[in-house]
N, C-alpha and C. Protein backbone atom coordinates (compact mmCIF):
# COMPACT_ATOMS: atom_id res chain seq x y z
N UNK A 1 -17.66 3.19 -29.95
CA UNK A 1 -16.71 2.60 -29.02
C UNK A 1 -17.09 2.97 -27.59
N UNK A 2 -17.05 2.03 -26.71
CA UNK A 2 -17.45 2.23 -25.32
C UNK A 2 -16.35 2.91 -24.52
N UNK A 3 -16.74 3.74 -23.58
CA UNK A 3 -15.79 4.41 -22.69
C UNK A 3 -15.57 3.63 -21.39
N UNK A 4 -16.19 2.48 -21.26
CA UNK A 4 -16.09 1.69 -20.03
C UNK A 4 -14.83 0.84 -20.06
N UNK A 5 -14.21 0.69 -18.89
CA UNK A 5 -13.05 -0.18 -18.77
C UNK A 5 -13.51 -1.63 -18.71
N UNK A 6 -12.71 -2.56 -19.21
CA UNK A 6 -13.06 -3.98 -19.06
C UNK A 6 -13.13 -4.33 -17.58
N UNK A 7 -13.92 -5.32 -17.23
CA UNK A 7 -14.09 -5.70 -15.83
C UNK A 7 -12.78 -6.11 -15.18
N UNK A 8 -11.83 -6.64 -15.95
CA UNK A 8 -10.58 -7.10 -15.37
C UNK A 8 -9.62 -5.95 -15.07
N UNK A 9 -9.86 -4.76 -15.62
CA UNK A 9 -8.96 -3.62 -15.40
C UNK A 9 -9.22 -3.03 -14.02
N UNK A 10 -8.12 -2.74 -13.30
CA UNK A 10 -8.23 -2.12 -12.00
C UNK A 10 -7.35 -0.88 -11.99
N UNK A 11 -7.85 0.17 -11.38
CA UNK A 11 -7.07 1.38 -11.23
C UNK A 11 -6.32 1.27 -9.91
N UNK A 12 -5.00 1.40 -9.98
CA UNK A 12 -4.16 1.29 -8.80
C UNK A 12 -3.82 2.70 -8.33
N UNK A 13 -4.14 3.05 -7.10
CA UNK A 13 -3.85 4.39 -6.62
C UNK A 13 -2.35 4.64 -6.50
N UNK A 14 -1.94 5.86 -6.76
CA UNK A 14 -0.54 6.24 -6.62
C UNK A 14 -0.24 6.44 -5.15
N UNK A 15 0.70 5.69 -4.65
CA UNK A 15 1.12 5.82 -3.26
C UNK A 15 2.58 6.26 -3.27
N UNK A 16 2.85 7.39 -2.68
CA UNK A 16 4.20 7.95 -2.68
C UNK A 16 4.98 7.51 -1.44
N UNK A 17 6.29 7.30 -1.61
CA UNK A 17 7.13 6.96 -0.44
C UNK A 17 6.99 8.01 0.65
N UNK A 18 6.91 7.55 1.88
CA UNK A 18 6.77 8.44 3.02
C UNK A 18 5.34 8.62 3.48
N UNK A 19 4.37 8.26 2.62
CA UNK A 19 2.97 8.38 3.03
C UNK A 19 2.61 7.23 3.97
N UNK A 20 1.52 7.41 4.69
CA UNK A 20 1.06 6.37 5.60
C UNK A 20 -0.09 5.62 4.94
N UNK A 21 -0.07 4.30 5.08
CA UNK A 21 -1.04 3.43 4.44
C UNK A 21 -1.60 2.43 5.44
N UNK A 22 -2.76 1.91 5.09
CA UNK A 22 -3.41 0.86 5.88
C UNK A 22 -3.52 -0.38 5.00
N UNK A 23 -3.47 -1.53 5.61
CA UNK A 23 -3.69 -2.79 4.92
C UNK A 23 -5.18 -3.07 4.86
N UNK A 24 -5.60 -3.83 3.85
CA UNK A 24 -6.99 -4.26 3.84
C UNK A 24 -7.19 -5.14 5.08
N UNK A 25 -8.31 -4.98 5.74
CA UNK A 25 -8.65 -5.74 6.95
C UNK A 25 -7.68 -5.50 8.11
N UNK A 26 -7.02 -4.34 8.14
CA UNK A 26 -6.10 -4.03 9.23
C UNK A 26 -6.89 -3.70 10.49
N UNK A 27 -6.52 -4.29 11.63
CA UNK A 27 -7.22 -3.97 12.88
C UNK A 27 -7.12 -2.48 13.20
N UNK A 28 -8.15 -1.94 13.79
CA UNK A 28 -8.19 -0.50 14.07
C UNK A 28 -7.18 -0.09 15.14
N UNK A 29 -6.75 -1.01 15.98
CA UNK A 29 -5.79 -0.65 17.02
C UNK A 29 -4.34 -0.69 16.54
N UNK A 30 -4.10 -1.09 15.30
CA UNK A 30 -2.76 -1.10 14.72
C UNK A 30 -2.54 0.20 13.96
N UNK A 31 -1.47 0.95 14.28
CA UNK A 31 -1.26 2.23 13.59
C UNK A 31 -0.94 2.02 12.11
N UNK A 32 -1.10 3.07 11.30
CA UNK A 32 -0.78 2.97 9.88
C UNK A 32 0.69 2.63 9.65
N UNK A 33 0.97 2.05 8.50
CA UNK A 33 2.33 1.74 8.10
C UNK A 33 2.87 2.88 7.27
N UNK A 34 4.17 3.09 7.32
CA UNK A 34 4.81 4.08 6.46
C UNK A 34 5.30 3.37 5.21
N UNK A 35 4.98 3.92 4.04
CA UNK A 35 5.38 3.33 2.78
C UNK A 35 6.83 3.70 2.47
N UNK A 36 7.64 2.69 2.20
CA UNK A 36 9.05 2.91 1.87
C UNK A 36 9.20 3.07 0.36
N UNK A 37 8.70 2.08 -0.41
CA UNK A 37 8.74 2.15 -1.87
C UNK A 37 7.84 1.08 -2.47
N UNK A 38 7.47 1.27 -3.73
CA UNK A 38 6.71 0.26 -4.48
C UNK A 38 7.44 -0.02 -5.79
N UNK A 39 7.43 -1.28 -6.18
CA UNK A 39 8.07 -1.68 -7.44
C UNK A 39 7.45 -2.99 -7.90
N UNK A 40 6.96 -3.01 -9.13
CA UNK A 40 6.45 -4.24 -9.72
C UNK A 40 5.27 -4.85 -8.98
N UNK A 41 4.37 -4.02 -8.45
CA UNK A 41 3.20 -4.55 -7.76
C UNK A 41 3.46 -4.92 -6.31
N UNK A 42 4.67 -4.73 -5.83
CA UNK A 42 5.03 -5.03 -4.45
C UNK A 42 5.43 -3.73 -3.76
N UNK A 43 5.11 -3.62 -2.48
CA UNK A 43 5.47 -2.43 -1.72
C UNK A 43 6.15 -2.85 -0.42
N UNK A 44 7.05 -2.01 0.04
CA UNK A 44 7.72 -2.24 1.30
C UNK A 44 7.23 -1.19 2.28
N UNK A 45 6.75 -1.66 3.43
CA UNK A 45 6.20 -0.79 4.45
C UNK A 45 6.89 -1.10 5.78
N UNK A 46 6.72 -0.17 6.73
CA UNK A 46 7.27 -0.40 8.07
C UNK A 46 6.43 0.34 9.09
N UNK A 47 6.53 -0.10 10.31
CA UNK A 47 5.98 0.62 11.45
C UNK A 47 7.10 1.50 11.98
N UNK A 48 6.78 2.70 12.43
CA UNK A 48 7.82 3.59 12.93
C UNK A 48 8.55 2.98 14.12
N UNK A 49 7.87 2.19 14.93
CA UNK A 49 8.48 1.57 16.10
C UNK A 49 9.45 0.43 15.74
N UNK A 50 9.40 -0.05 14.48
CA UNK A 50 10.26 -1.16 14.08
C UNK A 50 11.70 -0.75 13.86
N UNK A 51 11.97 0.51 13.69
CA UNK A 51 13.32 0.96 13.36
C UNK A 51 13.48 1.09 11.85
N UNK A 52 14.56 1.71 11.45
CA UNK A 52 14.76 2.08 10.05
C UNK A 52 15.02 0.89 9.12
N UNK A 53 15.56 -0.19 9.63
CA UNK A 53 16.01 -1.27 8.75
C UNK A 53 15.09 -2.50 8.74
N UNK A 54 13.92 -2.41 9.34
CA UNK A 54 12.97 -3.52 9.35
C UNK A 54 11.81 -3.14 8.45
N UNK A 55 11.59 -3.93 7.38
CA UNK A 55 10.53 -3.67 6.41
C UNK A 55 9.68 -4.91 6.23
N UNK A 56 8.51 -4.71 5.67
CA UNK A 56 7.59 -5.81 5.36
C UNK A 56 7.15 -5.63 3.92
N UNK A 57 7.22 -6.68 3.12
CA UNK A 57 6.82 -6.63 1.71
C UNK A 57 5.35 -7.04 1.59
N UNK A 58 4.57 -6.19 0.90
CA UNK A 58 3.12 -6.38 0.79
C UNK A 58 2.71 -6.13 -0.67
N UNK A 59 1.68 -6.82 -1.14
CA UNK A 59 1.14 -6.55 -2.47
C UNK A 59 0.51 -5.15 -2.49
N UNK A 60 0.76 -4.42 -3.55
CA UNK A 60 0.25 -3.04 -3.68
C UNK A 60 -1.27 -3.00 -3.55
N UNK A 61 -1.95 -3.98 -4.12
CA UNK A 61 -3.41 -3.97 -4.12
C UNK A 61 -4.01 -4.13 -2.72
N UNK A 62 -3.21 -4.54 -1.74
CA UNK A 62 -3.69 -4.69 -0.36
C UNK A 62 -3.60 -3.39 0.44
N UNK A 63 -3.05 -2.33 -0.16
CA UNK A 63 -2.83 -1.07 0.56
C UNK A 63 -3.81 0.00 0.14
N UNK A 64 -4.09 0.90 1.08
CA UNK A 64 -4.87 2.11 0.77
C UNK A 64 -4.31 3.24 1.62
N UNK A 65 -4.45 4.45 1.14
CA UNK A 65 -3.94 5.61 1.87
C UNK A 65 -4.65 5.73 3.21
N UNK A 66 -3.89 6.10 4.23
CA UNK A 66 -4.47 6.24 5.58
C UNK A 66 -5.17 7.56 5.74
């Protein structure tokens, strides 16, 4: 039996609420986003300057730890 994962399998990194993340292809002059929560492959992020109640929903696979 092979120990290799099928090509379609992807490992999704664990991103904890409160951590800072970057979007894929994010411009370098844009600061990292703060992760609010992830659920069902979707994550809610915000910029600190946006205030506490403004969030943006993003696919989990588009994020990476800052």
